[in-house]
Protein backbone atom coordinates (compact mmCIF):
# COMPACT_ATOMS: atom_id res chain seq x y z
CA MET A 1 -14.96 -8.43 -12.52
CA LYS A 2 -13.06 -5.85 -14.24
CA LYS A 3 -11.16 -4.64 -11.42
CA PHE A 4 -10.40 -5.96 -7.97
CA ILE A 5 -9.29 -3.11 -5.18
CA ASN A 6 -11.80 -3.87 -2.36
CA VAL A 7 -14.49 -5.93 -0.78
CA LYS A 8 -17.06 -3.99 -2.55
CA ASP A 9 -15.80 -5.79 -5.62
CA LEU A 10 -16.74 -9.55 -4.89
CA GLY A 11 -19.94 -8.79 -4.54
CA ASP A 12 -21.93 -10.88 -2.30
CA LEU A 13 -19.53 -11.58 0.44
CA LYS A 14 -21.04 -14.93 1.46
CA ILE A 15 -21.27 -16.18 -1.74
CA ALA A 16 -17.52 -15.52 -2.53
CA VAL A 17 -16.14 -17.38 0.05
CA GLN A 18 -18.66 -20.52 -0.76
CA GLU A 19 -17.01 -19.96 -4.14
CA ALA A 20 -13.41 -20.46 -2.81
CA LEU A 21 -14.35 -23.15 -0.65
CA GLU A 22 -15.52 -25.00 -3.73
CA ILE A 23 -12.98 -24.18 -5.83
CA LYS A 24 -10.43 -25.54 -2.45
CA LYS A 25 -11.84 -28.77 -3.79
CA ASP A 26 -10.96 -29.36 -7.01
CA ARG A 27 -8.53 -26.02 -7.50
CA PHE A 28 -8.53 -27.44 -11.47
CA ALA A 29 -12.04 -27.73 -12.28
CA PHE A 30 -12.10 -24.84 -14.62
CA LYS A 31 -8.60 -25.32 -16.01
CA HIS A 32 -10.00 -24.65 -19.59
CA PHE A 33 -11.30 -20.74 -18.32
CA GLY A 34 -7.61 -19.77 -19.00
CA GLU A 35 -6.90 -21.69 -22.03
CA ASN A 36 -4.97 -19.10 -24.61
CA LYS A 37 -5.35 -16.41 -22.26
CA THR A 38 -2.54 -14.34 -20.29
CA LEU A 39 -2.14 -13.11 -16.95
CA LEU A 40 0.49 -10.16 -16.63
CA MET A 41 2.11 -9.75 -13.15
CA VAL A 42 3.63 -6.17 -12.43
CA PHE A 43 5.98 -5.75 -9.72
CA PHE A 44 6.93 -2.40 -8.40
CA ASN A 45 7.82 -4.29 -5.31
CA SER A 46 9.37 -7.44 -4.13
CA SER A 47 6.66 -10.50 -3.59
CA LEU A 48 6.97 -13.77 -2.20
CA ARG A 49 3.64 -15.37 -1.49
CA THR A 50 2.06 -13.03 -3.89
CA ARG A 51 4.54 -13.86 -6.54
CA LEU A 52 4.24 -17.41 -6.01
CA SER A 53 0.30 -17.85 -4.99
CA THR A 54 -0.92 -15.40 -7.72
CA GLN A 55 1.22 -16.87 -10.56
CA LYS A 56 0.07 -20.38 -9.23
CA ALA A 57 -4.03 -19.87 -9.10
CA ALA A 58 -3.36 -18.33 -13.33
CA MET A 59 -1.85 -21.66 -13.54
CA ASN A 60 -4.38 -24.02 -12.33
CA LEU A 61 -7.44 -21.93 -14.63
CA GLY A 62 -4.96 -22.84 -17.57
CA MET A 63 -3.23 -19.41 -18.21
CA ASN A 64 -0.89 -18.14 -19.03
CA THR A 65 1.95 -16.04 -17.03
CA MET A 66 4.23 -13.27 -17.63
CA ILE A 67 5.99 -11.88 -14.56
CA LEU A 68 7.40 -7.91 -15.25
CA ASP A 69 9.57 -6.65 -12.03
CA ILE A 70 10.09 -2.79 -12.90
CA ALA A 71 13.69 -1.48 -12.94
CA GLN A 72 14.71 -4.86 -12.55
CA GLY A 73 15.63 -5.53 -15.99
CA THR A 74 12.69 -3.27 -17.59
CA TRP A 75 13.39 0.62 -18.23
CA ARG A 76 12.86 3.18 -15.23
CA LEU A 77 9.20 4.00 -15.38
CA GLU A 78 8.36 7.69 -14.83
CA THR A 79 4.89 7.67 -13.48
CA GLN A 80 4.01 11.46 -12.45
CA LYS A 81 2.28 13.27 -15.35
CA GLY A 82 3.59 16.90 -16.38
CA VAL A 83 7.15 16.25 -15.75
CA VAL A 84 10.42 17.15 -18.03
CA MET A 85 11.98 13.90 -18.11
CA ASN A 86 15.67 14.79 -18.15
CA GLY A 87 16.49 12.47 -15.07
CA ASP A 88 17.14 8.42 -15.29
CA LYS A 89 13.30 7.26 -16.05
CA PRO A 90 13.20 6.67 -19.85
CA GLU A 91 9.94 5.63 -20.21
CA HIS A 92 6.60 6.91 -19.00
CA ILE A 93 4.07 4.86 -17.37
CA LEU A 94 1.58 6.25 -20.21
CA GLU A 95 2.98 4.69 -22.71
CA ALA A 96 4.27 1.10 -20.87
CA ILE A 97 0.61 0.61 -19.78
CA PRO A 98 -0.92 0.42 -23.43
CA VAL A 99 2.02 -1.22 -24.82
CA MET A 100 1.36 -3.98 -21.99
CA ALA A 101 -1.62 -4.56 -22.38
CA CYS A 102 -1.06 -5.15 -25.72
CA TYR A 103 0.28 -8.49 -24.53
CA CYS A 104 -2.29 -9.73 -22.46
CA ASP A 105 -5.60 -10.52 -21.31
CA ILE A 106 -5.97 -9.69 -17.63
CA ILE A 107 -3.52 -7.30 -15.23
CA GLY A 108 -2.01 -7.54 -11.67
CA VAL A 109 -0.18 -4.96 -10.00
CA ARG A 110 2.13 -4.50 -7.05
CA SER A 111 2.76 -0.57 -6.05
CA PHE A 112 3.37 0.10 -2.42
CA ALA A 113 3.07 3.11 -0.54
CA LYS A 114 6.23 5.70 -0.17
CA LEU A 115 5.09 7.31 2.94
CA GLU A 116 6.09 10.44 1.78
CA ASN A 117 2.68 12.10 0.99
CA LYS A 118 -0.40 10.73 2.43
CA THR A 119 -2.70 12.08 -0.32
CA ASP A 120 -0.48 10.17 -3.60
CA ASP A 121 -0.61 7.31 -1.44
CA TYR A 122 -4.25 7.06 -0.77
CA ASN A 123 -4.75 8.18 -4.20
CA GLU A 124 -3.15 5.05 -5.44
CA ASN A 125 -2.33 6.66 -8.48
CA ILE A 126 -0.27 4.20 -10.12
CA LEU A 127 -3.23 1.89 -9.83
CA HIS A 128 -5.86 4.16 -11.31
CA GLN A 129 -3.68 4.52 -14.22
CA PHE A 130 -3.08 0.99 -15.23
CA ILE A 131 -7.22 0.54 -14.82
CA GLN A 132 -7.70 4.25 -16.76
CA TYR A 133 -5.19 3.12 -19.67
CA SER A 134 -4.84 -0.56 -20.09
CA GLU A 135 -8.56 -1.24 -20.93
CA LYS A 136 -8.21 -4.33 -19.11
CA PRO A 137 -9.35 -6.35 -16.09
CA VAL A 138 -6.46 -5.19 -13.30
CA PHE A 139 -6.42 -6.45 -10.07
CA SER A 140 -4.43 -5.54 -7.16
CA MET A 141 -1.51 -7.62 -5.53
CA GLU A 142 -1.38 -4.84 -3.03
CA GLY A 143 -1.56 -1.22 -3.56
CA ALA A 144 -0.37 1.57 -1.37
CA THR A 145 -3.32 1.31 1.05
CA THR A 146 -4.78 -2.04 0.81
CA HIS A 147 -3.98 -5.41 -0.15
CA PRO A 148 -7.62 -7.22 -0.86
CA LEU A 149 -5.78 -10.63 -1.82
CA GLN A 150 -4.41 -10.95 1.47
CA ALA A 151 -8.03 -10.40 3.20
CA PHE A 152 -9.90 -12.26 1.02
CA ALA A 153 -7.29 -15.10 2.04
CA ASP A 154 -8.35 -14.04 5.71
CA LEU A 155 -11.67 -14.36 5.38
CA ILE A 156 -11.65 -17.67 4.34
CA THR A 157 -9.57 -18.98 6.43
CA ILE A 158 -11.35 -17.39 9.62
CA GLU A 159 -14.55 -19.19 7.52
CA GLU A 160 -12.95 -22.41 7.77
CA PHE A 161 -11.34 -22.54 11.08
CA LYS A 162 -14.19 -20.71 13.32
CA THR A 163 -16.24 -22.81 15.81
CA LYS A 164 -19.00 -20.72 16.55
CA ASN A 165 -21.43 -18.47 13.44
CA ARG A 166 -20.13 -15.14 14.83
CA PRO A 167 -16.81 -15.24 16.15
CA LYS A 168 -14.57 -12.30 17.91
CA VAL A 169 -11.66 -10.80 15.48
CA VAL A 170 -9.19 -8.84 17.00
CA LEU A 171 -7.09 -6.75 14.42
CA THR A 172 -4.24 -5.69 16.88
CA TRP A 173 -0.80 -3.64 16.06
CA ALA A 174 2.10 -4.99 17.51
CA PRO A 175 5.79 -3.27 17.40
CA HIS A 176 8.18 -3.48 14.32
CA PRO A 177 11.14 -1.60 13.60
CA LYS A 178 10.63 -0.52 10.17
CA THR A 179 7.98 2.27 9.26
CA LEU A 180 5.46 0.15 7.16
CA PRO A 181 1.74 1.13 5.09
CA GLN A 182 -1.70 0.46 6.10
CA ALA A 183 -2.73 -1.24 3.26
CA VAL A 184 -2.65 -4.93 5.15
CA PRO A 185 -4.65 -3.80 7.75
CA ASN A 186 -6.96 -1.09 5.99
CA SER A 187 -7.84 -4.38 3.59
CA PHE A 188 -8.85 -6.56 6.96
CA ALA A 189 -10.51 -3.59 8.58
CA ASP A 190 -12.72 -3.93 5.13
CA PHE A 191 -13.33 -7.03 4.60
CA MET A 192 -14.24 -7.45 8.15
CA ASN A 193 -16.94 -4.78 8.41
CA GLU A 194 -18.76 -6.51 5.75
CA ALA A 195 -18.18 -9.83 7.30
CA ASP A 196 -20.38 -11.88 10.01
CA VAL A 197 -17.67 -11.15 12.62
CA ASP A 198 -17.74 -9.40 15.44
CA PHE A 199 -15.00 -7.11 15.01
CA VAL A 200 -12.79 -5.27 17.36
CA ILE A 201 -9.34 -3.03 16.19
CA THR A 202 -6.80 -2.53 18.99
CA HIS A 203 -3.42 -0.26 19.02
CA PRO A 204 -1.87 2.67 20.59
CA GLU A 205 -3.20 6.14 20.87
CA GLY A 206 -2.23 7.67 17.32
CA TYR A 207 -2.24 4.46 15.84
CA GLU A 208 -5.70 5.11 14.41
CA LEU A 209 -6.75 3.71 10.36
CA ALA A 210 -8.28 5.59 7.86
CA PRO A 211 -11.99 6.47 8.92
CA ARG A 212 -13.53 4.39 5.71
CA PHE A 213 -11.88 1.35 6.88
CA VAL A 214 -12.37 1.69 10.72
CA ARG A 215 -15.80 2.12 10.26
CA LYS A 216 -18.08 0.33 12.51
CA ALA A 217 -15.16 -1.89 14.46
CA GLN A 218 -14.91 -1.70 18.18
CA VAL A 219 -11.44 0.02 18.50
CA GLU A 220 -10.22 -0.41 22.30
CA TYR A 221 -6.50 0.99 23.40
CA ASN A 222 -6.23 -1.80 25.86
CA GLN A 223 -4.61 -4.44 24.36
CA ASN A 224 -5.26 -7.27 27.05
CA LYS A 225 -8.61 -6.46 27.27
CA ALA A 226 -9.02 -6.37 23.49
CA PHE A 227 -8.31 -9.65 23.47
CA GLN A 228 -10.54 -11.08 26.08
CA GLY A 229 -12.85 -14.12 24.62
CA ALA A 230 -11.36 -13.59 20.81
CA ASP A 231 -11.48 -16.16 18.67
CA PHE A 232 -9.27 -15.10 16.24
CA ILE A 233 -5.73 -12.57 16.91
CA TYR A 234 -4.44 -10.68 13.91
CA ALA A 235 -1.46 -9.10 14.20
CA LYS A 236 0.21 -6.45 12.25
CA ASN A 237 2.23 -3.54 12.39
CA TRP A 238 1.61 -0.20 10.80
CA SER A 239 2.79 3.32 10.91
CA ALA A 240 0.57 6.18 11.65
CA PHE A 241 -2.26 7.93 9.42
CA GLU A 242 -2.73 11.22 10.83
CA ASP A 243 -1.54 14.01 8.36
CA VAL A 244 1.28 15.20 10.72
CA HIS A 245 2.64 11.80 11.46
CA TYR A 246 1.50 9.60 8.36
CA GLY A 247 4.40 7.66 7.62
CA LYS A 248 6.00 7.62 11.29
CA ILE A 249 6.81 4.98 13.98
CA LEU A 250 5.29 6.91 17.31
CA SER A 251 5.53 3.61 19.40
CA GLU A 252 8.22 0.84 19.80
CA ASP A 253 6.46 -0.38 22.63
CA MET A 254 7.16 -4.07 23.01
CA ASN A 255 4.53 -4.66 25.55
CA TRP A 256 1.89 -5.35 22.81
CA THR A 257 3.91 -7.87 21.03
CA ILE A 258 1.65 -10.73 20.71
CA ASP A 259 2.95 -13.52 23.39
CA ALA A 260 1.54 -16.64 25.11
CA ALA A 261 0.10 -14.61 28.28
CA LYS A 262 -1.85 -12.60 25.86
CA MET A 263 -2.91 -15.65 23.93
CA ASN A 264 -4.40 -17.15 27.31
CA LEU A 265 -6.41 -14.10 27.31
CA THR A 266 -8.29 -15.34 24.29
CA ASN A 267 -11.29 -18.14 23.69
CA HIS A 268 -8.16 -20.26 22.55
CA ALA A 269 -7.86 -18.28 20.05
CA LYS A 270 -5.86 -18.93 16.36
CA PHE A 271 -3.27 -16.54 15.54
CA MET A 272 -2.73 -15.07 11.81
CA HIS A 273 -0.53 -12.91 10.28
CA CYS A 274 -0.19 -12.35 6.85
CA LEU A 275 3.72 -12.66 6.68
CA PRO A 276 6.56 -12.48 6.36
CA VAL A 277 6.64 -11.71 9.73
CA ARG A 278 9.19 -10.55 12.60
CA ARG A 279 9.63 -13.39 15.53
CA ASN A 280 9.71 -11.96 18.99
CA VAL A 281 8.88 -8.75 17.81
CA ILE A 282 5.65 -9.15 16.25
CA VAL A 283 4.60 -11.99 18.01
CA THR A 284 7.11 -14.87 20.18
CA ASP A 285 8.61 -18.27 18.89
CA GLU A 286 6.25 -19.88 21.53
CA VAL A 287 3.21 -18.37 19.75
CA ILE A 288 3.39 -18.75 16.36
CA ASP A 289 5.14 -22.39 16.18
CA SER A 290 2.29 -23.41 18.55
CA PRO A 291 -1.00 -25.28 17.57
CA GLN A 292 -3.18 -21.74 17.57
CA SER A 293 -1.30 -20.34 14.91
CA ILE A 294 -2.67 -21.05 11.79
CA VAL A 295 -0.28 -18.31 9.77
CA ILE A 296 0.86 -21.19 6.81
CA GLN A 297 -2.67 -22.52 6.51
CA GLU A 298 -3.61 -18.65 6.01
CA ALA A 299 -0.67 -18.13 3.12
CA ALA A 300 -2.27 -21.31 1.42
CA ASN A 301 -5.46 -19.54 0.98
CA ARG A 302 -3.86 -16.75 -1.03
CA GLU A 303 -3.72 -19.12 -3.92
CA ILE A 304 -7.57 -19.99 -3.53
CA ALA A 305 -8.74 -16.27 -2.81
CA CYS A 306 -6.77 -15.21 -6.40
CA GLU A 307 -8.55 -17.85 -8.41
CA VAL A 308 -11.74 -16.91 -8.05
CA VAL A 309 -10.80 -13.21 -8.57
CA LEU A 310 -9.55 -14.55 -11.66
CA LYS A 311 -12.22 -17.09 -12.48
CA ARG A 312 -14.01 -14.07 -12.41
CA MET A 313 -12.50 -11.95 -14.34
CA LEU A 314 -11.76 -14.71 -16.73
CA GLU A 315 -15.75 -15.08 -17.39
CA GLY A 316 -16.25 -11.53 -17.77
CA LEU A 317 -13.81 -11.78 -21.03
CA LYS A 318 -16.14 -14.59 -22.59
């Protein structure tokens, strides 16, 4: 595996999930794979679960790890081509990337959407420059438009907790006081459309996701109707995708908050969220603190998802 930015990079999804479940039984079984190999984790944005889970996965495989926080102890990087560099960014990413690649074998990159220009965000300029100029395997630790490690962990979690062969999985928009990108819901939809689930997306009008991620999913604008009979509820806020409103908050309707009454409409559904979560905005305390909540188990599977990806990349280096 040379890159990991979407579900297609994993190949057969059932095989990938089974590999994850086997690794979870003994996460140190392949610790010799990473001997004398180094992972570089490059963060343009803050992180908790991604930073810890990725480093732990690399350690499980016997890898050395290096962490670089851009603009915090490093030079600020210019990321646009053709600019006159007479401002506050003394180094260009075009030189920085091959230099970084000199010191490592695999690179993970985290670079969020700026939510200012949809074309710039959806071109994934920073991530693709690492893929193009590093000549090393590169995986996304969350990009401007996708978060595949999170979605892979979500799928592993659903596989562990499902009680029927084809569960109903609902991705629901929920309110939030800040503008958030579409990366998590995009990747969740990307993976669920390839998984053996009955997949529904529910949100207020105006919050439609990009068609290439929605694909065959059922879109339902009535949240209560969407929740009926659901086996898994995945809550997440995102800002508007359409050009005229891109990156904007169109609604702060607290009626979309996930509460016990809504969960009672489901088939004893499990509650999921990528974290961090705004309590009593996205979801009530009553729901997230209930036995139906599997957000911690979901977060724990971030380690396993990343270990599968790193293992496959290390296999490709042999």
